[in-house]
Amino acid sequence: MVQATRKEKRLKRHFRARKKIFGSSERPRMVITRTNKHIGAQVINDQEEKTLCAIYSYSKDLKGKVRGYDIAGAEEVGKAIALKAIEAGVAKVVCDTGGNLYHGRVKALAEAARKAGLEF
């Protein structure tokens, strides 16, 4: 039996979660994307298939100020996505970790977004 790779395991968790998580116009889906060097988040309305706002650690808004590979950088991205979402008229979201475990940078981003006023 062949062992599944990390990516295959993450995708399997992501698809399992996506069966249950759906972003509506009242509560869009906040997707957290994590790589080895960067972290980011998007707020998506699945009904209209539209991205309402997005920010990444390599975005022009945060470039030079944030390192995407540490917890402090993830917290800055969390604050920024919350401010952009509130500016776009979104106060409540459904959190989608993208198959990543709710731990470390993913947790730091989510907690910072919560502290900045986003409700989920």
C-alpha atoms as a PDB file:
ATOM      1  CA  MET A   1       0.000   0.000   0.000  1.00  0.00           C
ATOM      2  CA  VAL A   2       1.339   3.397  -1.003  1.00  0.00           C
ATOM      3  CA  GLN A   3       1.437   6.095   1.664  1.00  0.00           C
ATOM      4  CA  ALA A   4      -0.449   9.311   0.809  1.00  0.00           C
ATOM      5  CA  THR A   5       1.643  12.472   0.500  1.00  0.00           C
ATOM      6  CA  ARG A   6       1.165  15.523   2.708  1.00  0.00           C
ATOM      7  CA  LYS A   7      -0.530  17.389  -0.118  1.00  0.00           C
ATOM      8  CA  GLU A   8      -2.944  14.511  -0.772  1.00  0.00           C
ATOM      9  CA  LYS A   9      -3.839  14.355   2.927  1.00  0.00           C
ATOM     10  CA  ARG A  10      -4.431  18.126   3.069  1.00  0.00           C
ATOM     11  CA  LEU A  11      -6.621  18.031  -0.043  1.00  0.00           C
ATOM     12  CA  LYS A  12      -8.618  15.133   1.388  1.00  0.00           C
ATOM     13  CA  ARG A  13      -9.277  17.147   4.595  1.00  0.00           C
ATOM     14  CA  HIS A  14     -10.135  20.214   2.506  1.00  0.00           C
ATOM     15  CA  PHE A  15     -12.688  18.390   0.331  1.00  0.00           C
ATOM     16  CA  ARG A  16     -14.225  16.765   3.412  1.00  0.00           C
ATOM     17  CA  ALA A  17     -14.678  20.168   5.027  1.00  0.00           C
ATOM     18  CA  ARG A  18     -15.945  21.803   1.824  1.00  0.00           C
ATOM     19  CA  LYS A  19     -18.879  19.392   1.724  1.00  0.00           C
ATOM     20  CA  LYS A  20     -20.157  21.130   4.866  1.00  0.00           C
ATOM     21  CA  ILE A  21     -18.844  24.717   4.545  1.00  0.00           C
ATOM     22  CA  PHE A  22     -20.610  27.061   2.133  1.00  0.00           C
ATOM     23  CA  GLY A  23     -20.304  30.833   2.006  1.00  0.00           C
ATOM     24  CA  SER A  24     -23.513  32.783   1.499  1.00  0.00           C
ATOM     25  CA  SER A  25     -24.145  36.492   1.084  1.00  0.00           C
ATOM     26  CA  GLU A  26     -24.934  36.775   4.828  1.00  0.00           C
ATOM     27  CA  ARG A  27     -21.897  34.716   5.934  1.00  0.00           C
ATOM     28  CA  PRO A  28     -19.207  34.470   3.243  1.00  0.00           C
ATOM     29  CA  ARG A  29     -16.421  31.904   3.506  1.00  0.00           C
ATOM     30  CA  MET A  30     -12.990  33.076   4.679  1.00  0.00           C
ATOM     31  CA  VAL A  31     -10.389  30.759   3.133  1.00  0.00           C
ATOM     32  CA  ILE A  32      -6.930  30.649   4.707  1.00  0.00           C
ATOM     33  CA  THR A  33      -4.101  29.736   2.334  1.00  0.00           C
ATOM     34  CA  ARG A  34      -0.756  28.679   3.792  1.00  0.00           C
ATOM     35  CA  THR A  35       2.525  27.891   2.074  1.00  0.00           C
ATOM     36  CA  ASN A  36       6.019  27.511   3.499  1.00  0.00           C
ATOM     37  CA  LYS A  37       6.878  31.168   2.845  1.00  0.00           C
ATOM     38  CA  HIS A  38       3.535  32.995   2.768  1.00  0.00           C
ATOM     39  CA  ILE A  39       0.043  33.094   4.234  1.00  0.00           C
ATOM     40  CA  GLY A  40      -3.122  34.740   3.005  1.00  0.00           C
ATOM     41  CA  ALA A  41      -6.882  34.880   3.246  1.00  0.00           C
ATOM     42  CA  GLN A  42      -9.819  35.487   0.921  1.00  0.00           C
ATOM     43  CA  VAL A  43     -13.455  36.234   1.701  1.00  0.00           C
ATOM     44  CA  ILE A  44     -15.641  34.465  -0.884  1.00  0.00           C
ATOM     45  CA  ASN A  45     -19.375  34.505  -1.553  1.00  0.00           C
ATOM     46  CA  ASP A  46     -20.049  31.001  -2.941  1.00  0.00           C
ATOM     47  CA  GLN A  47     -23.610  31.811  -4.038  1.00  0.00           C
ATOM     48  CA  GLU A  48     -22.419  34.434  -6.507  1.00  0.00           C
ATOM     49  CA  GLU A  49     -18.984  32.793  -6.975  1.00  0.00           C
ATOM     50  CA  LYS A  50     -17.334  36.101  -6.160  1.00  0.00           C
ATOM     51  CA  THR A  51     -14.260  37.042  -4.133  1.00  0.00           C
ATOM     52  CA  LEU A  52     -15.163  40.012  -1.936  1.00  0.00           C
ATOM     53  CA  CYS A  53     -11.662  40.760  -0.663  1.00  0.00           C
ATOM     54  CA  ALA A  54      -8.280  39.099  -0.341  1.00  0.00           C
ATOM     55  CA  ILE A  55      -4.883  39.775   1.180  1.00  0.00           C
ATOM     56  CA  TYR A  56      -1.621  37.852   1.248  1.00  0.00           C
ATOM     57  CA  SER A  57       1.669  38.378   3.025  1.00  0.00           C
ATOM     58  CA  TYR A  58       3.210  39.346  -0.330  1.00  0.00           C
ATOM     59  CA  SER A  59       0.486  41.912  -1.211  1.00  0.00           C
ATOM     60  CA  LYS A  60       1.492  45.496  -1.963  1.00  0.00           C
ATOM     61  CA  ASP A  61      -0.318  46.651   1.190  1.00  0.00           C
ATOM     62  CA  LEU A  62       1.875  44.498   3.448  1.00  0.00           C
ATOM     63  CA  LYS A  63       5.035  44.024   1.370  1.00  0.00           C
ATOM     64  CA  GLY A  64       8.145  44.752   3.420  1.00  0.00           C
ATOM     65  CA  LYS A  65       6.199  44.970   6.688  1.00  0.00           C
ATOM     66  CA  VAL A  66       5.233  41.321   7.057  1.00  0.00           C
ATOM     67  CA  ARG A  67       7.016  38.004   6.928  1.00  0.00           C
ATOM     68  CA  GLY A  68       4.553  35.321   5.926  1.00  0.00           C
ATOM     69  CA  TYR A  69       6.429  32.460   7.512  1.00  0.00           C
ATOM     70  CA  ASP A  70       6.043  33.464  11.161  1.00  0.00           C
ATOM     71  CA  ILE A  71       3.174  33.945  13.581  1.00  0.00           C
ATOM     72  CA  ALA A  72       3.598  37.745  13.798  1.00  0.00           C
ATOM     73  CA  GLY A  73       3.173  37.986  10.027  1.00  0.00           C
ATOM     74  CA  ALA A  74       0.077  35.791  10.149  1.00  0.00           C
ATOM     75  CA  GLU A  75      -1.417  38.078  12.804  1.00  0.00           C
ATOM     76  CA  GLU A  76      -0.835  41.137  10.593  1.00  0.00           C
ATOM     77  CA  VAL A  77      -2.532  39.387   7.668  1.00  0.00           C
ATOM     78  CA  GLY A  78      -5.447  38.489   9.977  1.00  0.00           C
ATOM     79  CA  LYS A  79      -5.896  42.118  11.040  1.00  0.00           C
ATOM     80  CA  ALA A  80      -5.679  43.280   7.423  1.00  0.00           C
ATOM     81  CA  ILE A  81      -8.275  40.783   6.125  1.00  0.00           C
ATOM     82  CA  ALA A  82     -10.668  41.764   8.930  1.00  0.00           C
ATOM     83  CA  LEU A  83     -10.349  45.451   8.081  1.00  0.00           C
ATOM     84  CA  LYS A  84     -10.834  44.788   4.357  1.00  0.00           C
ATOM     85  CA  ALA A  85     -13.860  42.549   5.012  1.00  0.00           C
ATOM     86  CA  ILE A  86     -15.504  45.097   7.298  1.00  0.00           C
ATOM     87  CA  GLU A  87     -14.798  47.783   4.685  1.00  0.00           C
ATOM     88  CA  ALA A  88     -16.534  45.551   2.106  1.00  0.00           C
ATOM     89  CA  GLY A  89     -19.579  45.264   4.390  1.00  0.00           C
ATOM     90  CA  VAL A  90     -18.928  41.802   5.830  1.00  0.00           C
ATOM     91  CA  ALA A  91     -19.075  41.340   9.605  1.00  0.00           C
ATOM     92  CA  LYS A  92     -19.698  37.578   9.879  1.00  0.00           C
ATOM     93  CA  VAL A  93     -17.814  34.834   8.035  1.00  0.00           C
ATOM     94  CA  VAL A  94     -17.427  31.066   8.006  1.00  0.00           C
ATOM     95  CA  CYS A  95     -13.801  30.005   8.504  1.00  0.00           C
ATOM     96  CA  ASP A  96     -12.289  27.519   6.025  1.00  0.00           C
ATOM     97  CA  THR A  97      -8.736  26.483   6.887  1.00  0.00           C
ATOM     98  CA  GLY A  98      -8.177  24.965   3.450  1.00  0.00           C
ATOM     99  CA  GLY A  99      -7.392  21.546   4.870  1.00  0.00           C
ATOM    100  CA  ASN A 100      -4.648  22.945   7.105  1.00  0.00           C
ATOM    101  CA  LEU A 101      -4.783  22.149  10.797  1.00  0.00           C
ATOM    102  CA  TYR A 102      -6.110  24.919  13.069  1.00  0.00           C
ATOM    103  CA  HIS A 103      -2.713  25.403  14.664  1.00  0.00           C
ATOM    104  CA  GLY A 104       0.224  27.796  14.499  1.00  0.00           C
ATOM    105  CA  ARG A 105       0.026  30.417  11.730  1.00  0.00           C
ATOM    106  CA  VAL A 106      -3.516  29.453  10.699  1.00  0.00           C
ATOM    107  CA  LYS A 107      -4.762  29.856  14.267  1.00  0.00           C
ATOM    108  CA  ALA A 108      -2.858  33.145  14.689  1.00  0.00           C
ATOM    109  CA  LEU A 109      -4.459  34.571  11.527  1.00  0.00           C
ATOM    110  CA  ALA A 110      -7.948  33.510  12.632  1.00  0.00           C
ATOM    111  CA  GLU A 111      -7.549  34.854  16.175  1.00  0.00           C
ATOM    112  CA  ALA A 112      -6.190  38.199  14.901  1.00  0.00           C
ATOM    113  CA  ALA A 113      -9.132  38.513  12.496  1.00  0.00           C
ATOM    114  CA  ARG A 114     -11.497  37.831  15.389  1.00  0.00           C
ATOM    115  CA  LYS A 115      -9.835  40.468  17.565  1.00  0.00           C
ATOM    116  CA  ALA A 116     -10.043  42.999  14.714  1.00  0.00           C
ATOM    117  CA  GLY A 117     -13.828  42.630  14.606  1.00  0.00           C
ATOM    118  CA  LEU A 118     -14.623  39.763  12.250  1.00  0.00           C
ATOM    119  CA  GLU A 119     -17.141  37.323  13.728  1.00  0.00           C
ATOM    120  CA  PHE A 120     -16.999  33.552  13.100  1.00  0.00           C
END
